[in-house]
Amino acid sequence: MKIFALLATLATGIVLLYGTKDFAPWGDPTSPANSHLSQVYIERAVEETHVPNLVTAILGDYRGYDTMLETVVIYCAGMAVVSVLRRSRS
């Protein structure tokens, strides 16, 4: 059973690493995230959210539901890892 878990983990890792080849180069100032959205957040976040910290304004106000659901996904993944890797008492 553990060999199946190892193979599934390796296959998933390979697929995820393969998918990263389509990412923009690291630190590319012309990538879509840097050229469109970042400037809007930097220019308008404090006045729209009335939160003085830019990171808190983005994570708590603009992306509140996304951040909450990411936390739920990480918790579920942690529970799955614990249940797969725990030792049985037999």
PDB file of N, CA and C in Angstrom:
ATOM      1  N   MET A   1       0.811  -1.195   0.000  1.00  0.00           N
ATOM      2  CA  MET A   1       0.000   0.000   0.000  1.00  0.00           C
ATOM      3  C   MET A   1       0.857   1.262   0.000  1.00  0.00           C
ATOM      4  N   LYS A   2       1.974   1.221   0.740  1.00  0.00           N
ATOM      5  CA  LYS A   2       2.842   2.392   0.789  1.00  0.00           C
ATOM      6  C   LYS A   2       3.548   2.622  -0.541  1.00  0.00           C
ATOM      7  N   ILE A   3       3.812   1.573  -1.290  1.00  0.00           N
ATOM      8  CA  ILE A   3       4.438   1.752  -2.595  1.00  0.00           C
ATOM      9  C   ILE A   3       3.480   2.458  -3.549  1.00  0.00           C
ATOM     10  N   PHE A   4       2.177   2.158  -3.420  1.00  0.00           N
ATOM     11  CA  PHE A   4       1.178   2.846  -4.235  1.00  0.00           C
ATOM     12  C   PHE A   4       1.136   4.331  -3.880  1.00  0.00           C
ATOM     13  N   ALA A   5       1.211   4.658  -2.599  1.00  0.00           N
ATOM     14  CA  ALA A   5       1.214   6.056  -2.171  1.00  0.00           C
ATOM     15  C   ALA A   5       2.460   6.775  -2.691  1.00  0.00           C
ATOM     16  N   LEU A   6       3.601   6.095  -2.644  1.00  0.00           N
ATOM     17  CA  LEU A   6       4.838   6.682  -3.150  1.00  0.00           C
ATOM     18  C   LEU A   6       4.743   6.925  -4.655  1.00  0.00           C
ATOM     19  N   LEU A   7       4.241   5.966  -5.397  1.00  0.00           N
ATOM     20  CA  LEU A   7       4.110   6.131  -6.849  1.00  0.00           C
ATOM     21  C   LEU A   7       3.126   7.243  -7.197  1.00  0.00           C
ATOM     22  N   ALA A   8       2.025   7.322  -6.474  1.00  0.00           N
ATOM     23  CA  ALA A   8       1.053   8.383  -6.712  1.00  0.00           C
ATOM     24  C   ALA A   8       1.654   9.751  -6.413  1.00  0.00           C
ATOM     25  N   THR A   9       2.444   9.844  -5.355  1.00  0.00           N
ATOM     26  CA  THR A   9       3.092  11.101  -5.005  1.00  0.00           C
ATOM     27  C   THR A   9       4.110  11.502  -6.057  1.00  0.00           C
ATOM     28  N   LEU A  10       4.914  10.558  -6.502  1.00  0.00           N
ATOM     29  CA  LEU A  10       5.909  10.858  -7.536  1.00  0.00           C
ATOM     30  C   LEU A  10       5.246  11.265  -8.854  1.00  0.00           C
ATOM     31  N   ALA A  11       4.189  10.573  -9.235  1.00  0.00           N
ATOM     32  CA  ALA A  11       3.487  10.915 -10.476  1.00  0.00           C
ATOM     33  C   ALA A  11       2.884  12.313 -10.385  1.00  0.00           C
ATOM     34  N   THR A  12       2.295  12.634  -9.257  1.00  0.00           N
ATOM     35  CA  THR A  12       1.722  13.965  -9.080  1.00  0.00           C
ATOM     36  C   THR A  12       2.811  15.033  -9.117  1.00  0.00           C
ATOM     37  N   GLY A  13       3.926  14.776  -8.465  1.00  0.00           N
ATOM     38  CA  GLY A  13       5.043  15.721  -8.480  1.00  0.00           C
ATOM     39  C   GLY A  13       5.579  15.952  -9.878  1.00  0.00           C
ATOM     40  N   ILE A  14       5.697  14.893 -10.665  1.00  0.00           N
ATOM     41  CA  ILE A  14       6.195  15.024 -12.036  1.00  0.00           C
ATOM     42  C   ILE A  14       5.232  15.848 -12.880  1.00  0.00           C
ATOM     43  N   VAL A  15       3.936  15.600 -12.737  1.00  0.00           N
ATOM     44  CA  VAL A  15       2.944  16.370 -13.495  1.00  0.00           C
ATOM     45  C   VAL A  15       2.987  17.841 -13.095  1.00  0.00           C
ATOM     46  N   LEU A  16       3.110  18.128 -11.799  1.00  0.00           N
ATOM     47  CA  LEU A  16       3.172  19.519 -11.353  1.00  0.00           C
ATOM     48  C   LEU A  16       4.434  20.213 -11.848  1.00  0.00           C
ATOM     49  N   LEU A  17       5.559  19.528 -11.801  1.00  0.00           N
ATOM     50  CA  LEU A  17       6.795  20.121 -12.311  1.00  0.00           C
ATOM     51  C   LEU A  17       6.738  20.337 -13.822  1.00  0.00           C
ATOM     52  N   TYR A  18       6.103  19.433 -14.534  1.00  0.00           N
ATOM     53  CA  TYR A  18       5.937  19.599 -15.969  1.00  0.00           C
ATOM     54  C   TYR A  18       5.086  20.835 -16.283  1.00  0.00           C
ATOM     55  N   GLY A  19       4.095  21.100 -15.458  1.00  0.00           N
ATOM     56  CA  GLY A  19       3.225  22.249 -15.674  1.00  0.00           C
ATOM     57  C   GLY A  19       3.912  23.582 -15.433  1.00  0.00           C
ATOM     58  N   THR A  20       5.016  23.598 -14.708  1.00  0.00           N
ATOM     59  CA  THR A  20       5.697  24.860 -14.425  1.00  0.00           C
ATOM     60  C   THR A  20       6.488  25.385 -15.611  1.00  0.00           C
ATOM     61  N   LYS A  21       6.647  24.613 -16.655  1.00  0.00           N
ATOM     62  CA  LYS A  21       7.412  25.108 -17.803  1.00  0.00           C
ATOM     63  C   LYS A  21       6.680  26.216 -18.544  1.00  0.00           C
ATOM     64  N   ASP A  22       5.357  26.354 -18.315  1.00  0.00           N
ATOM     65  CA  ASP A  22       4.588  27.415 -18.951  1.00  0.00           C
ATOM     66  C   ASP A  22       4.545  28.700 -18.127  1.00  0.00           C
ATOM     67  N   PHE A  23       5.150  28.699 -16.961  1.00  0.00           N
ATOM     68  CA  PHE A  23       5.170  29.904 -16.136  1.00  0.00           C
ATOM     69  C   PHE A  23       6.045  30.970 -16.774  1.00  0.00           C
ATOM     70  N   ALA A  24       5.759  32.216 -16.438  1.00  0.00           N
ATOM     71  CA  ALA A  24       6.635  33.313 -16.868  1.00  0.00           C
ATOM     72  C   ALA A  24       7.957  33.188 -16.115  1.00  0.00           C
ATOM     73  N   PRO A  25       9.048  33.657 -16.703  1.00  0.00           N
ATOM     74  CA  PRO A  25      10.331  33.591 -15.994  1.00  0.00           C
ATOM     75  C   PRO A  25      10.274  34.336 -14.662  1.00  0.00           C
ATOM     76  N   TRP A  26      11.029  33.846 -13.683  1.00  0.00           N
ATOM     77  CA  TRP A  26      11.013  34.408 -12.352  1.00  0.00           C
ATOM     78  C   TRP A  26      11.474  35.867 -12.385  1.00  0.00           C
ATOM     79  N   GLY A  27      10.663  36.763 -11.840  1.00  0.00           N
ATOM     80  CA  GLY A  27      11.009  38.177 -11.761  1.00  0.00           C
ATOM     81  C   GLY A  27      10.801  38.946 -13.048  1.00  0.00           C
ATOM     82  N   ASP A  28      10.130  38.379 -14.028  1.00  0.00           N
ATOM     83  CA  ASP A  28       9.903  39.042 -15.306  1.00  0.00           C
ATOM     84  C   ASP A  28       8.970  40.241 -15.115  1.00  0.00           C
ATOM     85  N   PRO A  29       9.433  41.468 -15.341  1.00  0.00           N
ATOM     86  CA  PRO A  29       8.581  42.636 -15.124  1.00  0.00           C
ATOM     87  C   PRO A  29       7.468  42.771 -16.158  1.00  0.00           C
ATOM     88  N   THR A  30       7.533  42.024 -17.243  1.00  0.00           N
ATOM     89  CA  THR A  30       6.498  42.114 -18.276  1.00  0.00           C
ATOM     90  C   THR A  30       5.471  40.982 -18.174  1.00  0.00           C
ATOM     91  N   SER A  31       5.554  40.169 -17.135  1.00  0.00           N
ATOM     92  CA  SER A  31       4.563  39.101 -16.963  1.00  0.00           C
ATOM     93  C   SER A  31       3.203  39.728 -16.639  1.00  0.00           C
ATOM     94  N   PRO A  32       2.106  39.033 -16.944  1.00  0.00           N
ATOM     95  CA  PRO A  32       0.781  39.616 -16.695  1.00  0.00           C
ATOM     96  C   PRO A  32       0.548  40.029 -15.245  1.00  0.00           C
ATOM     97  N   ALA A  33       1.040  39.260 -14.311  1.00  0.00           N
ATOM     98  CA  ALA A  33       0.829  39.615 -12.903  1.00  0.00           C
ATOM     99  C   ALA A  33       1.543  40.912 -12.539  1.00  0.00           C
ATOM    100  N   ASN A  34       2.714  41.139 -13.116  1.00  0.00           N
ATOM    101  CA  ASN A  34       3.477  42.345 -12.799  1.00  0.00           C
ATOM    102  C   ASN A  34       3.056  43.551 -13.615  1.00  0.00           C
ATOM    103  N   SER A  35       2.534  43.343 -14.799  1.00  0.00           N
ATOM    104  CA  SER A  35       2.239  44.489 -15.654  1.00  0.00           C
ATOM    105  C   SER A  35       0.820  45.009 -15.517  1.00  0.00           C
ATOM    106  N   HIS A  36      -0.114  44.220 -15.006  1.00  0.00           N
ATOM    107  CA  HIS A  36      -1.493  44.675 -14.933  1.00  0.00           C
ATOM    108  C   HIS A  36      -1.994  44.803 -13.500  1.00  0.00           C
ATOM    109  N   LEU A  37      -2.029  43.720 -12.797  1.00  0.00           N
ATOM    110  CA  LEU A  37      -2.714  43.671 -11.514  1.00  0.00           C
ATOM    111  C   LEU A  37      -1.927  44.297 -10.368  1.00  0.00           C
ATOM    112  N   SER A  38      -0.632  44.106 -10.334  1.00  0.00           N
ATOM    113  CA  SER A  38       0.165  44.604  -9.210  1.00  0.00           C
ATOM    114  C   SER A  38       0.064  46.105  -9.063  1.00  0.00           C
ATOM    115  N   GLN A  39       0.116  46.836 -10.154  1.00  0.00           N
ATOM    116  CA  GLN A  39       0.040  48.291 -10.085  1.00  0.00           C
ATOM    117  C   GLN A  39      -1.296  48.761  -9.524  1.00  0.00           C
ATOM    118  N   VAL A  40      -2.380  48.092  -9.888  1.00  0.00           N
ATOM    119  CA  VAL A  40      -3.696  48.463  -9.364  1.00  0.00           C
ATOM    120  C   VAL A  40      -3.739  48.257  -7.855  1.00  0.00           C
ATOM    121  N   TYR A  41      -3.240  47.130  -7.393  1.00  0.00           N
ATOM    122  CA  TYR A  41      -3.211  46.868  -5.950  1.00  0.00           C
ATOM    123  C   TYR A  41      -2.365  47.911  -5.225  1.00  0.00           C
ATOM    124  N   ILE A  42      -1.202  48.205  -5.740  1.00  0.00           N
ATOM    125  CA  ILE A  42      -0.299  49.138  -5.070  1.00  0.00           C
ATOM    126  C   ILE A  42      -0.888  50.540  -5.029  1.00  0.00           C
ATOM    127  N   GLU A  43      -1.517  50.961  -6.108  1.00  0.00           N
ATOM    128  CA  GLU A  43      -2.040  52.331  -6.174  1.00  0.00           C
ATOM    129  C   GLU A  43      -3.338  52.518  -5.398  1.00  0.00           C
ATOM    130  N   ARG A  44      -4.208  51.509  -5.347  1.00  0.00           N
ATOM    131  CA  ARG A  44      -5.549  51.705  -4.806  1.00  0.00           C
ATOM    132  C   ARG A  44      -5.851  50.977  -3.499  1.00  0.00           C
ATOM    133  N   ALA A  45      -4.998  50.095  -3.050  1.00  0.00           N
ATOM    134  CA  ALA A  45      -5.343  49.232  -1.915  1.00  0.00           C
ATOM    135  C   ALA A  45      -5.632  50.015  -0.641  1.00  0.00           C
ATOM    136  N   VAL A  46      -4.796  50.950  -0.297  1.00  0.00           N
ATOM    137  CA  VAL A  46      -4.962  51.667   0.979  1.00  0.00           C
ATOM    138  C   VAL A  46      -6.219  52.525   0.948  1.00  0.00           C
ATOM    139  N   GLU A  47      -6.482  53.217  -0.133  1.00  0.00           N
ATOM    140  CA  GLU A  47      -7.657  54.091  -0.175  1.00  0.00           C
ATOM    141  C   GLU A  47      -8.967  53.310  -0.305  1.00  0.00           C
ATOM    142  N   GLU A  48      -8.947  52.151  -0.949  1.00  0.00           N
ATOM    143  CA  GLU A  48     -10.178  51.369  -1.109  1.00  0.00           C
ATOM    144  C   GLU A  48     -10.512  50.527   0.122  1.00  0.00           C
ATOM    145  N   THR A  49      -9.487  50.019   0.808  1.00  0.00           N
ATOM    146  CA  THR A  49      -9.739  49.127   1.946  1.00  0.00           C
ATOM    147  C   THR A  49      -9.581  49.797   3.297  1.00  0.00           C
ATOM    148  N   HIS A  50      -8.919  50.949   3.338  1.00  0.00           N
ATOM    149  CA  HIS A  50      -8.654  51.681   4.578  1.00  0.00           C
ATOM    150  C   HIS A  50      -7.813  50.850   5.545  1.00  0.00           C
ATOM    151  N   VAL A  51      -6.939  50.036   4.994  1.00  0.00           N
ATOM    152  CA  VAL A  51      -5.998  49.234   5.782  1.00  0.00           C
ATOM    153  C   VAL A  51      -4.598  49.738   5.450  1.00  0.00           C
ATOM    154  N   PRO A  52      -3.808  50.167   6.447  1.00  0.00           N
ATOM    155  CA  PRO A  52      -2.506  50.762   6.137  1.00  0.00           C
ATOM    156  C   PRO A  52      -1.451  49.777   5.629  1.00  0.00           C
ATOM    157  N   ASN A  53      -1.612  48.488   5.901  1.00  0.00           N
ATOM    158  CA  ASN A  53      -0.635  47.499   5.455  1.00  0.00           C
ATOM    159  C   ASN A  53      -1.094  46.913   4.117  1.00  0.00           C
ATOM    160  N   LEU A  54      -0.266  47.020   3.099  1.00  0.00           N
ATOM    161  CA  LEU A  54      -0.634  46.594   1.755  1.00  0.00           C
ATOM    162  C   LEU A  54      -0.892  45.087   1.672  1.00  0.00           C
ATOM    163  N   VAL A  55      -0.057  44.282   2.311  1.00  0.00           N
ATOM    164  CA  VAL A  55      -0.226  42.827   2.263  1.00  0.00           C
ATOM    165  C   VAL A  55      -1.527  42.415   2.958  1.00  0.00           C
ATOM    166  N   THR A  56      -1.803  43.009   4.104  1.00  0.00           N
ATOM    167  CA  THR A  56      -3.036  42.701   4.813  1.00  0.00           C
ATOM    168  C   THR A  56      -4.253  43.134   4.014  1.00  0.00           C
ATOM    169  N   ALA A  57      -4.168  44.270   3.339  1.00  0.00           N
ATOM    170  CA  ALA A  57      -5.281  44.747   2.515  1.00  0.00           C
ATOM    171  C   ALA A  57      -5.580  43.783   1.375  1.00  0.00           C
ATOM    172  N   ILE A  58      -4.548  43.274   0.752  1.00  0.00           N
ATOM    173  CA  ILE A  58      -4.752  42.360  -0.378  1.00  0.00           C
ATOM    174  C   ILE A  58      -5.276  41.017   0.097  1.00  0.00           C
ATOM    175  N   LEU A  59      -4.629  40.432   1.107  1.00  0.00           N
ATOM    176  CA  LEU A  59      -5.039  39.104   1.566  1.00  0.00           C
ATOM    177  C   LEU A  59      -6.358  39.114   2.322  1.00  0.00           C
ATOM    178  N   GLY A  60      -6.606  40.131   3.094  1.00  0.00           N
ATOM    179  CA  GLY A  60      -7.797  40.155   3.912  1.00  0.00           C
ATOM    180  C   GLY A  60      -9.028  40.720   3.227  1.00  0.00           C
ATOM    181  N   ASP A  61      -8.836  41.647   2.313  1.00  0.00           N
ATOM    182  CA  ASP A  61      -9.993  42.301   1.711  1.00  0.00           C
ATOM    183  C   ASP A  61     -10.224  41.848   0.271  1.00  0.00           C
ATOM    184  N   TYR A  62      -9.235  42.001  -0.575  1.00  0.00           N
ATOM    185  CA  TYR A  62      -9.403  41.617  -1.977  1.00  0.00           C
ATOM    186  C   TYR A  62      -9.525  40.104  -2.152  1.00  0.00           C
ATOM    187  N   ARG A  63      -8.732  39.364  -1.414  1.00  0.00           N
ATOM    188  CA  ARG A  63      -8.672  37.920  -1.617  1.00  0.00           C
ATOM    189  C   ARG A  63      -9.090  37.160  -0.370  1.00  0.00           C
ATOM    190  N   GLY A  64     -10.044  37.665   0.362  1.00  0.00           N
ATOM    191  CA  GLY A  64     -10.456  37.049   1.621  1.00  0.00           C
ATOM    192  C   GLY A  64     -10.972  35.637   1.469  1.00  0.00           C
ATOM    193  N   TYR A  65     -11.905  35.428   0.549  1.00  0.00           N
ATOM    194  CA  TYR A  65     -12.455  34.082   0.359  1.00  0.00           C
ATOM    195  C   TYR A  65     -11.401  33.132  -0.194  1.00  0.00           C
ATOM    196  N   ASP A  66     -10.583  33.624  -1.088  1.00  0.00           N
ATOM    197  CA  ASP A  66      -9.532  32.785  -1.662  1.00  0.00           C
ATOM    198  C   ASP A  66      -8.556  32.334  -0.583  1.00  0.00           C
ATOM    199  N   THR A  67      -8.168  33.257   0.289  1.00  0.00           N
ATOM    200  CA  THR A  67      -7.242  32.926   1.372  1.00  0.00           C
ATOM    201  C   THR A  67      -7.875  31.921   2.335  1.00  0.00           C
ATOM    202  N   MET A  68      -9.154  32.106   2.641  1.00  0.00           N
ATOM    203  CA  MET A  68      -9.835  31.182   3.544  1.00  0.00           C
ATOM    204  C   MET A  68      -9.903  29.779   2.928  1.00  0.00           C
ATOM    205  N   LEU A  69     -10.242  29.697   1.650  1.00  0.00           N
ATOM    206  CA  LEU A  69     -10.353  28.387   1.014  1.00  0.00           C
ATOM    207  C   LEU A  69      -8.981  27.732   0.821  1.00  0.00           C
ATOM    208  N   GLU A  70      -7.945  28.527   0.618  1.00  0.00           N
ATOM    209  CA  GLU A  70      -6.594  27.952   0.554  1.00  0.00           C
ATOM    210  C   GLU A  70      -6.230  27.312   1.892  1.00  0.00           C
ATOM    211  N   THR A  71      -6.621  27.941   2.977  1.00  0.00           N
ATOM    212  CA  THR A  71      -6.359  27.382   4.301  1.00  0.00           C
ATOM    213  C   THR A  71      -7.092  26.057   4.482  1.00  0.00           C
ATOM    214  N   VAL A  72      -8.322  25.977   4.006  1.00  0.00           N
ATOM    215  CA  VAL A  72      -9.087  24.734   4.093  1.00  0.00           C
ATOM    216  C   VAL A  72      -8.421  23.646   3.262  1.00  0.00           C
ATOM    217  N   VAL A  73      -7.949  23.980   2.071  1.00  0.00           N
ATOM    218  CA  VAL A  73      -7.285  23.001   1.211  1.00  0.00           C
ATOM    219  C   VAL A  73      -6.006  22.493   1.862  1.00  0.00           C
ATOM    220  N   ILE A  74      -5.224  23.382   2.455  1.00  0.00           N
ATOM    221  CA  ILE A  74      -3.981  22.966   3.117  1.00  0.00           C
ATOM    222  C   ILE A  74      -4.286  22.055   4.305  1.00  0.00           C
ATOM    223  N   TYR A  75      -5.343  22.361   5.063  1.00  0.00           N
ATOM    224  CA  TYR A  75      -5.741  21.507   6.177  1.00  0.00           C
ATOM    225  C   TYR A  75      -6.138  20.122   5.673  1.00  0.00           C
ATOM    226  N   CYS A  76      -6.945  20.068   4.617  1.00  0.00           N
ATOM    227  CA  CYS A  76      -7.370  18.770   4.068  1.00  0.00           C
ATOM    228  C   CYS A  76      -6.173  17.977   3.540  1.00  0.00           C
ATOM    229  N   ALA A  77      -5.240  18.658   2.883  1.00  0.00           N
ATOM    230  CA  ALA A  77      -4.047  17.973   2.396  1.00  0.00           C
ATOM    231  C   ALA A  77      -3.220  17.427   3.557  1.00  0.00           C
ATOM    232  N   GLY A  78      -3.116  18.188   4.622  1.00  0.00           N
ATOM    233  CA  GLY A  78      -2.394  17.715   5.798  1.00  0.00           C
ATOM    234  C   GLY A  78      -3.046  16.491   6.417  1.00  0.00           C
ATOM    235  N   MET A  79      -4.354  16.502   6.501  1.00  0.00           N
ATOM    236  CA  MET A  79      -5.071  15.340   7.035  1.00  0.00           C
ATOM    237  C   MET A  79      -4.893  14.120   6.129  1.00  0.00           C
ATOM    238  N   ALA A  80      -4.871  14.331   4.820  1.00  0.00           N
ATOM    239  CA  ALA A  80      -4.657  13.222   3.894  1.00  0.00           C
ATOM    240  C   ALA A  80      -3.253  12.639   4.054  1.00  0.00           C
ATOM    241  N   VAL A  81      -2.261  13.500   4.203  1.00  0.00           N
ATOM    242  CA  VAL A  81      -0.885  13.017   4.389  1.00  0.00           C
ATOM    243  C   VAL A  81      -0.773  12.248   5.698  1.00  0.00           C
ATOM    244  N   VAL A  82      -1.366  12.754   6.753  1.00  0.00           N
ATOM    245  CA  VAL A  82      -1.316  12.056   8.042  1.00  0.00           C
ATOM    246  C   VAL A  82      -1.998  10.696   7.937  1.00  0.00           C
ATOM    247  N   SER A  83      -3.135  10.634   7.267  1.00  0.00           N
ATOM    248  CA  SER A  83      -3.844   9.359   7.179  1.00  0.00           C
ATOM    249  C   SER A  83      -3.110   8.354   6.293  1.00  0.00           C
ATOM    250  N   VAL A  84      -2.388   8.821   5.285  1.00  0.00           N
ATOM    251  CA  VAL A  84      -1.649   7.902   4.416  1.00  0.00           C
ATOM    252  C   VAL A  84      -0.378   7.405   5.100  1.00  0.00           C
ATOM    253  N   LEU A  85       0.285   8.273   5.829  1.00  0.00           N
ATOM    254  CA  LEU A  85       1.590   7.919   6.392  1.00  0.00           C
ATOM    255  C   LEU A  85       1.530   7.358   7.814  1.00  0.00           C
ATOM    256  N   ARG A  86       0.367   7.312   8.436  1.00  0.00           N
ATOM    257  CA  ARG A  86       0.314   6.801   9.803  1.00  0.00           C
ATOM    258  C   ARG A  86       0.560   5.300   9.822  1.00  0.00           C
ATOM    259  N   ARG A  87       1.064   4.834  10.907  1.00  0.00           N
ATOM    260  CA  ARG A  87       1.364   3.405  11.039  1.00  0.00           C
ATOM    261  C   ARG A  87       0.176   2.695  11.648  1.00  0.00           C
ATOM    262  N   SER A  88      -0.087   1.523  11.119  1.00  0.00           N
ATOM    263  CA  SER A  88      -1.171   0.716  11.700  1.00  0.00           C
ATOM    264  C   SER A  88      -0.616  -0.081  12.878  1.00  0.00           C
ATOM    265  N   ARG A  89      -1.469  -0.461  13.790  1.00  0.00           N
ATOM    266  CA  ARG A  89      -1.035  -1.157  15.003  1.00  0.00           C
ATOM    267  C   ARG A  89      -1.175  -2.674  14.871  1.00  0.00           C
ATOM    268  N   SER A  90      -1.288  -3.179  13.694  1.00  0.00           N
ATOM    269  CA  SER A  90      -1.440  -4.625  13.540  1.00  0.00           C
ATOM    270  C   SER A  90      -0.137  -5.371  13.572  1.00  0.00           C
TER     271      SER A  90
END
